Amino acid sequence: MSVMQWLRRGFIAGFFVTVPLFITVAAFVWLFRIVDGLTSPLYQDALGRHIPGLGILTTALGVMLVGALATNVIGKRVLQRGESYLLRVPVFRTIYAPVKQLVVAFSPDNEFGFKRVVLLEQKQGYALGFLTKEFTVDRGKGPEPLVAVYVPTNHLYLGDIVICERDKATFPDISVEEGIRIFLTGGMAMPSRVRGWRGDDRVQDFRV
């Protein structure tokens, strides 16, 4: 291996390690500055001095409080009622609704989120995606079971919707969280051996 190849390989490897770390740290710093900047004057007036970090503590407590309300029957109704009022605002609805749908889609605990990881066989090879809906279509020969699969293309948040017959889809033993990790790592997190079940209950083994 030449010096230039070694430098190029080292730079690329360092780039893909450093950039996600930098973005994560920058996001935390940005969030801290915003929340701390909003709450610091209030705490300073109440306590008489500036205490760094209270903004982050306030954010964590606020998220926990909302979570506690969301898991409570009465609190859930209150949040739903407040959300319905906010969704009547045109600008807020345009921004909030798509963002919420996107976040919910990546939540495996939600009934409207991604259900399972799906492996589809296409002309250029196999495509990995997420099951979003199972439904039936009647074209005069009785109900045919179909599946809607979201296949990310360029980024995890951009992709195509593929509709296919259920018996042509393979469901590998990969969880939704593992599937998301596979896309975020460009396939590097893909296990070396995967066992999948076809929609017709046949078992398939895949080796990478």
C-alpha atoms as a PDB file:
ATOM      1  CA  MET A   1       0.000   0.000   0.000  1.00  0.00           C
ATOM      2  CA  SER A   2       1.418   3.387  -1.023  1.00  0.00           C
ATOM      3  CA  VAL A   3       1.629   6.396   1.264  1.00  0.00           C
ATOM      4  CA  MET A   4      -1.149   8.198  -0.622  1.00  0.00           C
ATOM      5  CA  GLN A   5      -3.454   5.192  -0.371  1.00  0.00           C
ATOM      6  CA  TRP A   6      -2.715   4.876   3.335  1.00  0.00           C
ATOM      7  CA  LEU A   7      -3.410   8.580   3.874  1.00  0.00           C
ATOM      8  CA  ARG A   8      -6.609   8.398   1.815  1.00  0.00           C
ATOM      9  CA  ARG A   9      -7.861   5.341   3.676  1.00  0.00           C
ATOM     10  CA  GLY A  10      -7.018   6.868   7.041  1.00  0.00           C
ATOM     11  CA  PHE A  11      -8.704  10.159   6.144  1.00  0.00           C
ATOM     12  CA  ILE A  12     -11.908   8.447   4.991  1.00  0.00           C
ATOM     13  CA  ALA A  13     -12.035   6.249   8.095  1.00  0.00           C
ATOM     14  CA  GLY A  14     -11.423   9.242  10.354  1.00  0.00           C
ATOM     15  CA  PHE A  15     -14.013  11.284   8.472  1.00  0.00           C
ATOM     16  CA  PHE A  16     -16.801   8.787   9.044  1.00  0.00           C
ATOM     17  CA  VAL A  17     -15.885   8.477  12.721  1.00  0.00           C
ATOM     18  CA  THR A  18     -15.384  12.184  13.413  1.00  0.00           C
ATOM     19  CA  VAL A  19     -18.323  13.704  11.527  1.00  0.00           C
ATOM     20  CA  PRO A  20     -21.139  11.814  13.365  1.00  0.00           C
ATOM     21  CA  LEU A  21     -19.399  12.509  16.682  1.00  0.00           C
ATOM     22  CA  PHE A  22     -19.011  16.192  15.824  1.00  0.00           C
ATOM     23  CA  ILE A  23     -22.651  16.513  14.745  1.00  0.00           C
ATOM     24  CA  THR A  24     -23.873  14.814  17.931  1.00  0.00           C
ATOM     25  CA  VAL A  25     -21.761  17.045  20.186  1.00  0.00           C
ATOM     26  CA  ALA A  26     -22.739  20.161  18.230  1.00  0.00           C
ATOM     27  CA  ALA A  27     -26.438  19.247  18.565  1.00  0.00           C
ATOM     28  CA  PHE A  28     -26.106  18.865  22.337  1.00  0.00           C
ATOM     29  CA  VAL A  29     -24.221  22.173  22.636  1.00  0.00           C
ATOM     30  CA  TRP A  30     -26.819  23.943  20.487  1.00  0.00           C
ATOM     31  CA  LEU A  31     -29.690  22.547  22.558  1.00  0.00           C
ATOM     32  CA  PHE A  32     -27.929  23.454  25.809  1.00  0.00           C
ATOM     33  CA  ARG A  33     -27.351  27.053  24.705  1.00  0.00           C
ATOM     34  CA  ILE A  34     -30.953  27.562  23.628  1.00  0.00           C
ATOM     35  CA  VAL A  35     -32.586  26.035  26.705  1.00  0.00           C
ATOM     36  CA  ASP A  36     -30.045  27.457  29.126  1.00  0.00           C
ATOM     37  CA  GLY A  37     -30.348  30.877  27.500  1.00  0.00           C
ATOM     38  CA  LEU A  38     -34.112  30.872  27.961  1.00  0.00           C
ATOM     39  CA  THR A  39     -34.175  29.580  31.529  1.00  0.00           C
ATOM     40  CA  SER A  40     -31.010  31.134  32.983  1.00  0.00           C
ATOM     41  CA  PRO A  41     -32.525  34.624  33.487  1.00  0.00           C
ATOM     42  CA  LEU A  42     -35.477  33.087  35.336  1.00  0.00           C
ATOM     43  CA  TYR A  43     -33.266  31.005  37.616  1.00  0.00           C
ATOM     44  CA  GLN A  44     -30.887  33.915  38.138  1.00  0.00           C
ATOM     45  CA  ASP A  45     -33.711  36.180  39.276  1.00  0.00           C
ATOM     46  CA  ALA A  46     -35.073  33.465  41.578  1.00  0.00           C
ATOM     47  CA  LEU A  47     -31.741  32.231  43.014  1.00  0.00           C
ATOM     48  CA  GLY A  48     -29.723  35.390  42.764  1.00  0.00           C
ATOM     49  CA  ARG A  49     -26.863  33.799  40.798  1.00  0.00           C
ATOM     50  CA  HIS A  50     -26.155  31.938  37.565  1.00  0.00           C
ATOM     51  CA  ILE A  51     -25.910  28.141  37.802  1.00  0.00           C
ATOM     52  CA  PRO A  52     -24.853  26.443  34.520  1.00  0.00           C
ATOM     53  CA  GLY A  53     -26.666  23.268  33.582  1.00  0.00           C
ATOM     54  CA  LEU A  54     -30.066  24.094  34.988  1.00  0.00           C
ATOM     55  CA  GLY A  55     -31.379  24.488  31.438  1.00  0.00           C
ATOM     56  CA  ILE A  56     -30.570  20.882  30.555  1.00  0.00           C
ATOM     57  CA  LEU A  57     -32.057  19.715  33.864  1.00  0.00           C
ATOM     58  CA  THR A  58     -35.211  21.681  33.094  1.00  0.00           C
ATOM     59  CA  THR A  59     -35.440  20.096  29.643  1.00  0.00           C
ATOM     60  CA  ALA A  60     -35.037  16.581  31.058  1.00  0.00           C
ATOM     61  CA  LEU A  61     -37.683  17.201  33.712  1.00  0.00           C
ATOM     62  CA  GLY A  62     -40.033  18.679  31.116  1.00  0.00           C
ATOM     63  CA  VAL A  63     -39.677  15.659  28.838  1.00  0.00           C
ATOM     64  CA  MET A  64     -40.263  13.303  31.767  1.00  0.00           C
ATOM     65  CA  LEU A  65     -43.333  15.274  32.806  1.00  0.00           C
ATOM     66  CA  VAL A  66     -44.810  15.125  29.309  1.00  0.00           C
ATOM     67  CA  GLY A  67     -44.049  11.392  29.190  1.00  0.00           C
ATOM     68  CA  ALA A  68     -45.826  10.880  32.506  1.00  0.00           C
ATOM     69  CA  LEU A  69     -48.854  12.764  31.195  1.00  0.00           C
ATOM     70  CA  ALA A  70     -48.845  10.806  27.930  1.00  0.00           C
ATOM     71  CA  THR A  71     -48.963   7.477  29.789  1.00  0.00           C
ATOM     72  CA  ASN A  72     -51.838   8.627  31.986  1.00  0.00           C
ATOM     73  CA  VAL A  73     -55.402   8.281  30.712  1.00  0.00           C
ATOM     74  CA  ILE A  74     -56.477  11.770  31.693  1.00  0.00           C
ATOM     75  CA  GLY A  75     -53.161  13.331  30.700  1.00  0.00           C
ATOM     76  CA  LYS A  76     -53.281  11.605  27.328  1.00  0.00           C
ATOM     77  CA  ARG A  77     -56.711  13.073  26.640  1.00  0.00           C
ATOM     78  CA  VAL A  78     -55.514  16.539  27.654  1.00  0.00           C
ATOM     79  CA  LEU A  79     -52.499  16.290  25.325  1.00  0.00           C
ATOM     80  CA  GLN A  80     -54.678  15.039  22.466  1.00  0.00           C
ATOM     81  CA  ARG A  81     -57.128  17.894  22.973  1.00  0.00           C
ATOM     82  CA  GLY A  82     -54.310  20.449  23.061  1.00  0.00           C
ATOM     83  CA  GLU A  83     -52.759  18.895  19.952  1.00  0.00           C
ATOM     84  CA  SER A  84     -56.080  19.095  18.096  1.00  0.00           C
ATOM     85  CA  TYR A  85     -56.268  22.824  18.843  1.00  0.00           C
ATOM     86  CA  LEU A  86     -52.702  23.423  17.677  1.00  0.00           C
ATOM     87  CA  LEU A  87     -53.278  21.455  14.463  1.00  0.00           C
ATOM     88  CA  ARG A  88     -55.918  24.012  13.509  1.00  0.00           C
ATOM     89  CA  VAL A  89     -53.169  26.601  13.063  1.00  0.00           C
ATOM     90  CA  PRO A  90     -52.168  26.371   9.361  1.00  0.00           C
ATOM     91  CA  VAL A  91     -48.417  27.028   9.699  1.00  0.00           C
ATOM     92  CA  PHE A  92     -48.052  24.860  12.800  1.00  0.00           C
ATOM     93  CA  ARG A  93     -49.985  22.006  11.182  1.00  0.00           C
ATOM     94  CA  THR A  94     -47.775  22.104   8.079  1.00  0.00           C
ATOM     95  CA  ILE A  95     -44.601  21.655  10.137  1.00  0.00           C
ATOM     96  CA  TYR A  96     -45.767  19.628  13.125  1.00  0.00           C
ATOM     97  CA  ALA A  97     -47.813  16.906  11.403  1.00  0.00           C
ATOM     98  CA  PRO A  98     -45.079  15.596   9.035  1.00  0.00           C
ATOM     99  CA  VAL A  99     -42.427  15.736  11.775  1.00  0.00           C
ATOM    100  CA  LYS A 100     -44.625  13.802  14.188  1.00  0.00           C
ATOM    101  CA  GLN A 101     -45.465  11.184  11.555  1.00  0.00           C
ATOM    102  CA  LEU A 102     -41.766  10.750  10.839  1.00  0.00           C
ATOM    103  CA  VAL A 103     -40.852  10.319  14.510  1.00  0.00           C
ATOM    104  CA  VAL A 104     -43.770   7.942  15.092  1.00  0.00           C
ATOM    105  CA  ALA A 105     -42.731   5.852  12.092  1.00  0.00           C
ATOM    106  CA  PHE A 106     -39.370   5.130  13.696  1.00  0.00           C
ATOM    107  CA  SER A 107     -40.937   4.170  17.022  1.00  0.00           C
ATOM    108  CA  PRO A 108     -41.288   0.358  17.183  1.00  0.00           C
ATOM    109  CA  ASP A 109     -43.558   0.663  20.240  1.00  0.00           C
ATOM    110  CA  ASN A 110     -46.184   2.583  18.285  1.00  0.00           C
ATOM    111  CA  GLU A 111     -48.885   0.798  16.327  1.00  0.00           C
ATOM    112  CA  PHE A 112     -48.427   3.234  13.448  1.00  0.00           C
ATOM    113  CA  GLY A 113     -44.658   2.792  13.294  1.00  0.00           C
ATOM    114  CA  PHE A 114     -42.543   0.406  11.263  1.00  0.00           C
ATOM    115  CA  LYS A 115     -43.759  -3.121  11.932  1.00  0.00           C
ATOM    116  CA  ARG A 116     -40.913  -5.342  10.688  1.00  0.00           C
ATOM    117  CA  VAL A 117     -37.858  -5.369   8.495  1.00  0.00           C
ATOM    118  CA  VAL A 118     -38.553  -6.707   4.989  1.00  0.00           C
ATOM    119  CA  LEU A 119     -36.182  -8.093   2.360  1.00  0.00           C
ATOM    120  CA  LEU A 120     -37.367  -7.702  -1.225  1.00  0.00           C
ATOM    121  CA  GLU A 121     -35.821  -9.400  -4.251  1.00  0.00           C
ATOM    122  CA  GLN A 122     -35.460  -6.990  -7.161  1.00  0.00           C
ATOM    123  CA  LYS A 123     -33.797  -7.073 -10.585  1.00  0.00           C
ATOM    124  CA  GLN A 124     -30.598  -5.440  -9.322  1.00  0.00           C
ATOM    125  CA  GLY A 125     -30.468  -7.575  -6.172  1.00  0.00           C
ATOM    126  CA  TYR A 126     -32.072  -7.471  -2.742  1.00  0.00           C
ATOM    127  CA  ALA A 127     -33.533  -4.352  -1.140  1.00  0.00           C
ATOM    128  CA  LEU A 128     -33.992  -3.859   2.581  1.00  0.00           C
ATOM    129  CA  GLY A 129     -36.996  -1.939   3.850  1.00  0.00           C
ATOM    130  CA  PHE A 130     -39.594  -1.603   6.589  1.00  0.00           C
ATOM    131  CA  LEU A 131     -43.119  -2.998   6.629  1.00  0.00           C
ATOM    132  CA  THR A 132     -45.609  -0.161   7.040  1.00  0.00           C
ATOM    133  CA  LYS A 133     -48.947  -1.758   6.157  1.00  0.00           C
ATOM    134  CA  GLU A 134     -50.567  -5.086   5.327  1.00  0.00           C
ATOM    135  CA  PHE A 135     -53.783  -4.984   3.288  1.00  0.00           C
ATOM    136  CA  THR A 136     -55.766  -6.909   0.702  1.00  0.00           C
ATOM    137  CA  VAL A 137     -56.852  -6.119  -2.859  1.00  0.00           C
ATOM    138  CA  ASP A 138     -59.700  -7.836  -4.650  1.00  0.00           C
ATOM    139  CA  ARG A 139     -59.218  -7.903  -8.433  1.00  0.00           C
ATOM    140  CA  GLY A 140     -62.052 -10.307  -9.103  1.00  0.00           C
ATOM    141  CA  LYS A 141     -60.228 -13.422  -7.891  1.00  0.00           C
ATOM    142  CA  GLY A 142     -60.770 -12.975  -4.199  1.00  0.00           C
ATOM    143  CA  PRO A 143     -58.770 -10.917  -1.686  1.00  0.00           C
ATOM    144  CA  GLU A 144     -55.002 -10.917  -2.359  1.00  0.00           C
ATOM    145  CA  PRO A 145     -52.710 -10.149   0.627  1.00  0.00           C
ATOM    146  CA  LEU A 146     -50.304  -7.322  -0.157  1.00  0.00           C
ATOM    147  CA  VAL A 147     -47.699  -5.447   1.857  1.00  0.00           C
ATOM    148  CA  ALA A 148     -46.499  -1.847   1.707  1.00  0.00           C
ATOM    149  CA  VAL A 149     -42.746  -1.573   2.277  1.00  0.00           C
ATOM    150  CA  TYR A 150     -40.817   1.637   2.825  1.00  0.00           C
ATOM    151  CA  VAL A 151     -37.387   1.314   1.182  1.00  0.00           C
ATOM    152  CA  PRO A 152     -34.945   4.130   2.095  1.00  0.00           C
ATOM    153  CA  THR A 153     -32.968   5.345  -0.915  1.00  0.00           C
ATOM    154  CA  ASN A 154     -30.603   8.257  -0.338  1.00  0.00           C
ATOM    155  CA  HIS A 155     -31.158   8.905   3.349  1.00  0.00           C
ATOM    156  CA  LEU A 156     -33.122   7.112   6.045  1.00  0.00           C
ATOM    157  CA  TYR A 157     -35.821   9.784   5.852  1.00  0.00           C
ATOM    158  CA  LEU A 158     -36.152   9.635   2.034  1.00  0.00           C
ATOM    159  CA  GLY A 159     -37.279   6.551   0.181  1.00  0.00           C
ATOM    160  CA  ASP A 160     -39.784   4.740  -1.982  1.00  0.00           C
ATOM    161  CA  ILE A 161     -42.983   2.875  -1.162  1.00  0.00           C
ATOM    162  CA  VAL A 162     -43.003  -0.592  -2.724  1.00  0.00           C
ATOM    163  CA  ILE A 163     -46.233  -2.594  -2.936  1.00  0.00           C
ATOM    164  CA  CYS A 164     -45.835  -6.335  -3.468  1.00  0.00           C
ATOM    165  CA  GLU A 165     -47.549  -9.633  -2.783  1.00  0.00           C
ATOM    166  CA  ARG A 166     -46.991 -10.852   0.732  1.00  0.00           C
ATOM    167  CA  ASP A 167     -45.680 -14.268  -0.309  1.00  0.00           C
ATOM    168  CA  LYS A 168     -42.901 -12.547  -2.296  1.00  0.00           C
ATOM    169  CA  ALA A 169     -41.614 -10.649   0.735  1.00  0.00           C
ATOM    170  CA  THR A 170     -39.042 -12.091   3.121  1.00  0.00           C
ATOM    171  CA  PHE A 171     -39.057 -11.177   6.805  1.00  0.00           C
ATOM    172  CA  PRO A 172     -35.511 -11.552   8.199  1.00  0.00           C
ATOM    173  CA  ASP A 173     -34.746 -12.021  11.877  1.00  0.00           C
ATOM    174  CA  ILE A 174     -33.658  -8.383  12.139  1.00  0.00           C
ATOM    175  CA  SER A 175     -35.394  -6.010  14.534  1.00  0.00           C
ATOM    176  CA  VAL A 176     -36.517  -2.535  13.498  1.00  0.00           C
ATOM    177  CA  GLU A 177     -33.759  -0.984  15.620  1.00  0.00           C
ATOM    178  CA  GLU A 178     -31.164  -3.179  13.941  1.00  0.00           C
ATOM    179  CA  GLY A 179     -32.600  -2.287  10.535  1.00  0.00           C
ATOM    180  CA  ILE A 180     -32.271   1.425  11.263  1.00  0.00           C
ATOM    181  CA  ARG A 181     -28.681   0.853  12.408  1.00  0.00           C
ATOM    182  CA  ILE A 182     -27.931  -0.978   9.156  1.00  0.00           C
ATOM    183  CA  PHE A 183     -29.091   2.006   7.102  1.00  0.00           C
ATOM    184  CA  LEU A 184     -27.265   4.535   9.268  1.00  0.00           C
ATOM    185  CA  THR A 185     -23.997   2.613   8.896  1.00  0.00           C
ATOM    186  CA  GLY A 186     -24.374   2.088   5.164  1.00  0.00           C
ATOM    187  CA  GLY A 187     -24.829  -1.659   5.588  1.00  0.00           C
ATOM    188  CA  MET A 188     -21.779  -2.207   7.793  1.00  0.00           C
ATOM    189  CA  ALA A 189     -24.003  -3.316  10.703  1.00  0.00           C
ATOM    190  CA  MET A 190     -25.554  -6.061   8.573  1.00  0.00           C
ATOM    191  CA  PRO A 191     -25.044  -9.452  10.274  1.00  0.00           C
ATOM    192  CA  SER A 192     -22.984 -12.023   8.390  1.00  0.00           C
ATOM    193  CA  ARG A 193     -25.834 -14.525   8.449  1.00  0.00           C
ATOM    194  CA  VAL A 194     -29.542 -13.789   8.342  1.00  0.00           C
ATOM    195  CA  ARG A 195     -32.467 -16.176   8.573  1.00  0.00           C
ATOM    196  CA  GLY A 196     -35.681 -15.045   6.971  1.00  0.00           C
ATOM    197  CA  TRP A 197     -39.256 -16.244   6.611  1.00  0.00           C
ATOM    198  CA  ARG A 198     -41.127 -15.794   3.364  1.00  0.00           C
ATOM    199  CA  GLY A 199     -44.693 -14.604   3.369  1.00  0.00           C
ATOM    200  CA  ASP A 200     -45.622 -18.173   2.433  1.00  0.00           C
ATOM    201  CA  ASP A 201     -43.881 -19.430   5.641  1.00  0.00           C
ATOM    202  CA  ARG A 202     -40.813 -20.795   3.839  1.00  0.00           C
ATOM    203  CA  VAL A 203     -37.468 -20.372   5.621  1.00  0.00           C
ATOM    204  CA  GLN A 204     -34.454 -18.858   3.843  1.00  0.00           C
ATOM    205  CA  ASP A 205     -30.855 -18.405   4.921  1.00  0.00           C
ATOM    206  CA  PHE A 206     -28.750 -15.481   3.672  1.00  0.00           C
ATOM    207  CA  ARG A 207     -24.992 -15.126   4.063  1.00  0.00           C
ATOM    208  CA  VAL A 208     -23.190 -11.824   3.612  1.00  0.00           C
END
